[in-house]
Structure formats: C-alpha cells, structure tokens
C-alpha cells in the first residue's frame, strides 16, 4: 500500500484547519466587529502568526499532500523529497504560530483602563 493515500487524507484535513487559522487571525484585528485604532490592537497580532504561520505555510504542504497518490506514487523520489521539505515548512509554520500564541497568552490582554489609555495590566515588565 502506498503512503500517498494517507497523505491525501491528511492534506484534505489540513486545508480547513489552515483556513480557520487565517480567519481567526483576521478577526483579531476587529474585536467585537469594531474597527480599532492601531494603538488599541495588541502588538503580537502584527506578527501574522495565523495568516503566515498556520495559514500559508500549512496550505503549501496540504496541496502537495493532496496531489500525492495515484499510480507509481512511491517510485517518485523527487516528489517524495518535495513532500518532506514542504512538510518541514508546514511544521515550522505551525511551531511559529504556537510560539507567538503562547507569548500572547503569557503577556495577557491589552485592556482599556477606563481613561482611554490601553495597556497590558498583567504583563510583568520588571527586570527582577
């Protein structure tokens, strides 16, 4: 049995997950459906972790995996090498998204203090 059939199934599964990551990152720019000023949007959103990391860099291997399979799929060494390289690229994109998201969870939310000033009340900015 060729592994191309399994990779085709994985590629089909990765496409909606990458689309959800892109949509989720875009929604971070419009919280509650409102258009905010640039200073009111959290700083880690500008790293485009959902659009670039978990979106585009995961869609590339997903399309490669969907194209896998068929007659003589295991004998195509160049295609297998490209699949491995694109899978590593997708892994790197997912890891980038996980790191930036973790940093966002550690830093906490950007909050309105009530006087129109936005700051991170839970962030520990001390050197000690």
C-alpha atoms as a PDB file:
ATOM      1  CA  UNK A   1       0.000   0.000   0.000  1.00  0.00           C
ATOM      2  CA  UNK A   2       1.293   3.440  -0.911  1.00  0.00           C
ATOM      3  CA  UNK A   3       1.502   6.192   1.682  1.00  0.00           C
ATOM      4  CA  UNK A   4       0.079   8.627  -0.872  1.00  0.00           C
ATOM      5  CA  UNK A   5      -3.490   7.673   0.046  1.00  0.00           C
ATOM      6  CA  UNK A   6      -2.910   8.545   3.688  1.00  0.00           C
ATOM      7  CA  UNK A   7      -1.177  11.806   2.830  1.00  0.00           C
ATOM      8  CA  UNK A   8      -4.088  12.768   0.577  1.00  0.00           C
ATOM      9  CA  UNK A   9      -6.429  12.372   3.550  1.00  0.00           C
ATOM     10  CA  UNK A  10      -4.129  14.455   5.750  1.00  0.00           C
ATOM     11  CA  UNK A  11      -3.900  17.162   3.079  1.00  0.00           C
ATOM     12  CA  UNK A  12      -7.688  17.405   2.862  1.00  0.00           C
ATOM     13  CA  UNK A  13      -7.840  17.730   6.652  1.00  0.00           C
ATOM     14  CA  UNK A  14      -5.165  20.458   6.771  1.00  0.00           C
ATOM     15  CA  UNK A  15      -6.978  22.805   4.371  1.00  0.00           C
ATOM     16  CA  UNK A  16      -9.935  23.699   6.641  1.00  0.00           C
ATOM     17  CA  UNK A  17      -7.603  23.963   9.639  1.00  0.00           C
ATOM     18  CA  UNK A  18      -5.388  26.444   7.787  1.00  0.00           C
ATOM     19  CA  UNK A  19      -8.459  28.405   6.682  1.00  0.00           C
ATOM     20  CA  UNK A  20      -9.671  28.574  10.305  1.00  0.00           C
ATOM     21  CA  UNK A  21      -6.264  29.896  11.402  1.00  0.00           C
ATOM     22  CA  UNK A  22      -6.329  32.617   8.741  1.00  0.00           C
ATOM     23  CA  UNK A  23      -9.873  33.693   9.608  1.00  0.00           C
ATOM     24  CA  UNK A  24      -9.076  33.664  13.336  1.00  0.00           C
ATOM     25  CA  UNK A  25      -6.050  35.904  12.835  1.00  0.00           C
ATOM     26  CA  UNK A  26      -8.039  38.338  10.698  1.00  0.00           C
ATOM     27  CA  UNK A  27     -10.757  38.513  13.371  1.00  0.00           C
ATOM     28  CA  UNK A  28      -8.147  39.619  15.918  1.00  0.00           C
ATOM     29  CA  UNK A  29      -7.928  42.925  14.042  1.00  0.00           C
ATOM     30  CA  UNK A  30     -11.678  43.542  14.524  1.00  0.00           C
ATOM     31  CA  UNK A  31     -12.637  42.577  18.088  1.00  0.00           C
ATOM     32  CA  UNK A  32     -16.424  42.662  18.655  1.00  0.00           C
ATOM     33  CA  UNK A  33     -16.777  43.633  14.992  1.00  0.00           C
ATOM     34  CA  UNK A  34     -15.357  47.111  15.618  1.00  0.00           C
ATOM     35  CA  UNK A  35     -12.567  48.851  13.749  1.00  0.00           C
ATOM     36  CA  UNK A  36      -9.978  49.942  16.310  1.00  0.00           C
ATOM     37  CA  UNK A  37      -7.061  52.350  16.189  1.00  0.00           C
ATOM     38  CA  UNK A  38      -3.610  50.836  15.664  1.00  0.00           C
ATOM     39  CA  UNK A  39      -2.637  51.574  19.280  1.00  0.00           C
ATOM     40  CA  UNK A  40      -5.669  49.619  20.532  1.00  0.00           C
ATOM     41  CA  UNK A  41      -4.667  46.343  18.864  1.00  0.00           C
ATOM     42  CA  UNK A  42      -2.321  44.014  20.717  1.00  0.00           C
ATOM     43  CA  UNK A  43       1.262  44.018  19.485  1.00  0.00           C
ATOM     44  CA  UNK A  44       1.613  40.266  18.831  1.00  0.00           C
ATOM     45  CA  UNK A  45      -1.153  40.301  16.204  1.00  0.00           C
ATOM     46  CA  UNK A  46       1.219  42.117  13.856  1.00  0.00           C
ATOM     47  CA  UNK A  47       3.419  39.008  13.613  1.00  0.00           C
ATOM     48  CA  UNK A  48       0.700  37.437  11.388  1.00  0.00           C
ATOM     49  CA  UNK A  49       1.056  34.078  13.135  1.00  0.00           C
ATOM     50  CA  UNK A  50      -2.301  32.794  11.907  1.00  0.00           C
ATOM     51  CA  UNK A  51      -2.086  34.141   8.376  1.00  0.00           C
ATOM     52  CA  UNK A  52       1.536  33.310   7.657  1.00  0.00           C
ATOM     53  CA  UNK A  53       2.483  30.589  10.147  1.00  0.00           C
ATOM     54  CA  UNK A  54      -0.568  28.370  10.463  1.00  0.00           C
ATOM     55  CA  UNK A  55      -2.153  29.527   7.215  1.00  0.00           C
ATOM     56  CA  UNK A  56       0.054  29.911   4.173  1.00  0.00           C
ATOM     57  CA  UNK A  57       2.916  27.736   5.421  1.00  0.00           C
ATOM     58  CA  UNK A  58       0.461  24.897   6.127  1.00  0.00           C
ATOM     59  CA  UNK A  59      -1.535  25.269   2.908  1.00  0.00           C
ATOM     60  CA  UNK A  60       1.589  24.613   0.807  1.00  0.00           C
ATOM     61  CA  UNK A  61       2.215  21.090   2.162  1.00  0.00           C
ATOM     62  CA  UNK A  62      -1.535  20.425   2.188  1.00  0.00           C
ATOM     63  CA  UNK A  63      -1.729  20.964  -1.572  1.00  0.00           C
ATOM     64  CA  UNK A  64       1.340  18.779  -2.075  1.00  0.00           C
ATOM     65  CA  UNK A  65      -0.198  16.027   0.029  1.00  0.00           C
ATOM     66  CA  UNK A  66      -3.482  16.238  -1.854  1.00  0.00           C
ATOM     67  CA  UNK A  67      -1.598  15.775  -5.122  1.00  0.00           C
ATOM     68  CA  UNK A  68       0.092  12.646  -3.793  1.00  0.00           C
ATOM     69  CA  UNK A  69      -1.229   9.224  -4.580  1.00  0.00           C
ATOM     70  CA  UNK A  70      -2.043   7.503  -7.820  1.00  0.00           C
ATOM     71  CA  UNK A  71      -0.112   5.014  -9.934  1.00  0.00           C
ATOM     72  CA  UNK A  72       3.577   4.744  -9.124  1.00  0.00           C
ATOM     73  CA  UNK A  73       3.456   7.299  -6.338  1.00  0.00           C
ATOM     74  CA  UNK A  74       6.104   5.605  -4.221  1.00  0.00           C
ATOM     75  CA  UNK A  75       8.631   5.483  -7.051  1.00  0.00           C
ATOM     76  CA  UNK A  76       8.703   9.264  -7.471  1.00  0.00           C
ATOM     77  CA  UNK A  77      11.736  10.217  -5.372  1.00  0.00           C
ATOM     78  CA  UNK A  78      11.717  13.891  -6.338  1.00  0.00           C
ATOM     79  CA  UNK A  79       8.063  14.187  -5.336  1.00  0.00           C
ATOM     80  CA  UNK A  80       8.750  12.436  -2.056  1.00  0.00           C
ATOM     81  CA  UNK A  81      11.645  14.805  -1.297  1.00  0.00           C
ATOM     82  CA  UNK A  82       9.486  17.834  -2.100  1.00  0.00           C
ATOM     83  CA  UNK A  83       6.767  16.441   0.150  1.00  0.00           C
ATOM     84  CA  UNK A  84       9.210  16.072   3.047  1.00  0.00           C
ATOM     85  CA  UNK A  85      10.604  19.589   2.541  1.00  0.00           C
ATOM     86  CA  UNK A  86       7.117  21.117   2.403  1.00  0.00           C
ATOM     87  CA  UNK A  87       6.085  19.118   5.465  1.00  0.00           C
ATOM     88  CA  UNK A  88       9.040  20.590   7.364  1.00  0.00           C
ATOM     89  CA  UNK A  89       7.949  24.034   6.178  1.00  0.00           C
ATOM     90  CA  UNK A  90       4.428  23.357   7.470  1.00  0.00           C
ATOM     91  CA  UNK A  91       5.820  22.170  10.792  1.00  0.00           C
ATOM     92  CA  UNK A  92       7.907  25.334  11.070  1.00  0.00           C
ATOM     93  CA  UNK A  93       4.823  27.450  10.358  1.00  0.00           C
ATOM     94  CA  UNK A  94       2.806  25.618  12.993  1.00  0.00           C
ATOM     95  CA  UNK A  95       5.609  25.981  15.529  1.00  0.00           C
ATOM     96  CA  UNK A  96       5.868  29.716  14.750  1.00  0.00           C
ATOM     97  CA  UNK A  97       2.133  30.100  15.334  1.00  0.00           C
ATOM     98  CA  UNK A  98       2.294  28.157  18.611  1.00  0.00           C
ATOM     99  CA  UNK A  99       5.225  30.241  19.923  1.00  0.00           C
ATOM    100  CA  UNK A 100       3.611  33.605  19.103  1.00  0.00           C
ATOM    101  CA  UNK A 101       0.265  32.451  20.540  1.00  0.00           C
ATOM    102  CA  UNK A 102       1.996  31.292  23.731  1.00  0.00           C
ATOM    103  CA  UNK A 103       3.717  34.653  24.067  1.00  0.00           C
ATOM    104  CA  UNK A 104       0.329  36.312  23.709  1.00  0.00           C
ATOM    105  CA  UNK A 105      -1.115  34.155  26.475  1.00  0.00           C
ATOM    106  CA  UNK A 106       1.846  34.874  28.748  1.00  0.00           C
ATOM    107  CA  UNK A 107       1.674  38.645  28.164  1.00  0.00           C
ATOM    108  CA  UNK A 108      -2.056  38.873  28.722  1.00  0.00           C
ATOM    109  CA  UNK A 109      -4.645  41.046  27.025  1.00  0.00           C
ATOM    110  CA  UNK A 110      -4.437  44.680  26.017  1.00  0.00           C
ATOM    111  CA  UNK A 111      -7.029  46.431  28.175  1.00  0.00           C
ATOM    112  CA  UNK A 112      -8.706  49.836  28.289  1.00  0.00           C
ATOM    113  CA  UNK A 113      -8.012  51.348  31.715  1.00  0.00           C
ATOM    114  CA  UNK A 114     -11.139  53.494  31.579  1.00  0.00           C
ATOM    115  CA  UNK A 115      -9.456  56.786  30.755  1.00  0.00           C
ATOM    116  CA  UNK A 116      -8.860  55.904  27.103  1.00  0.00           C
ATOM    117  CA  UNK A 117      -5.369  54.509  27.690  1.00  0.00           C
ATOM    118  CA  UNK A 118      -4.641  50.947  26.579  1.00  0.00           C
ATOM    119  CA  UNK A 119      -2.015  48.879  28.404  1.00  0.00           C
ATOM    120  CA  UNK A 120      -1.153  45.337  29.453  1.00  0.00           C
ATOM    121  CA  UNK A 121      -2.156  45.145  33.138  1.00  0.00           C
ATOM    122  CA  UNK A 122      -0.963  41.557  33.655  1.00  0.00           C
ATOM    123  CA  UNK A 123       2.430  41.868  31.936  1.00  0.00           C
ATOM    124  CA  UNK A 124       5.455  41.734  34.211  1.00  0.00           C
ATOM    125  CA  UNK A 125       7.825  44.379  32.817  1.00  0.00           C
ATOM    126  CA  UNK A 126      10.208  44.441  35.770  1.00  0.00           C
ATOM    127  CA  UNK A 127      13.772  43.202  35.457  1.00  0.00           C
ATOM    128  CA  UNK A 128      13.635  41.310  38.771  1.00  0.00           C
END
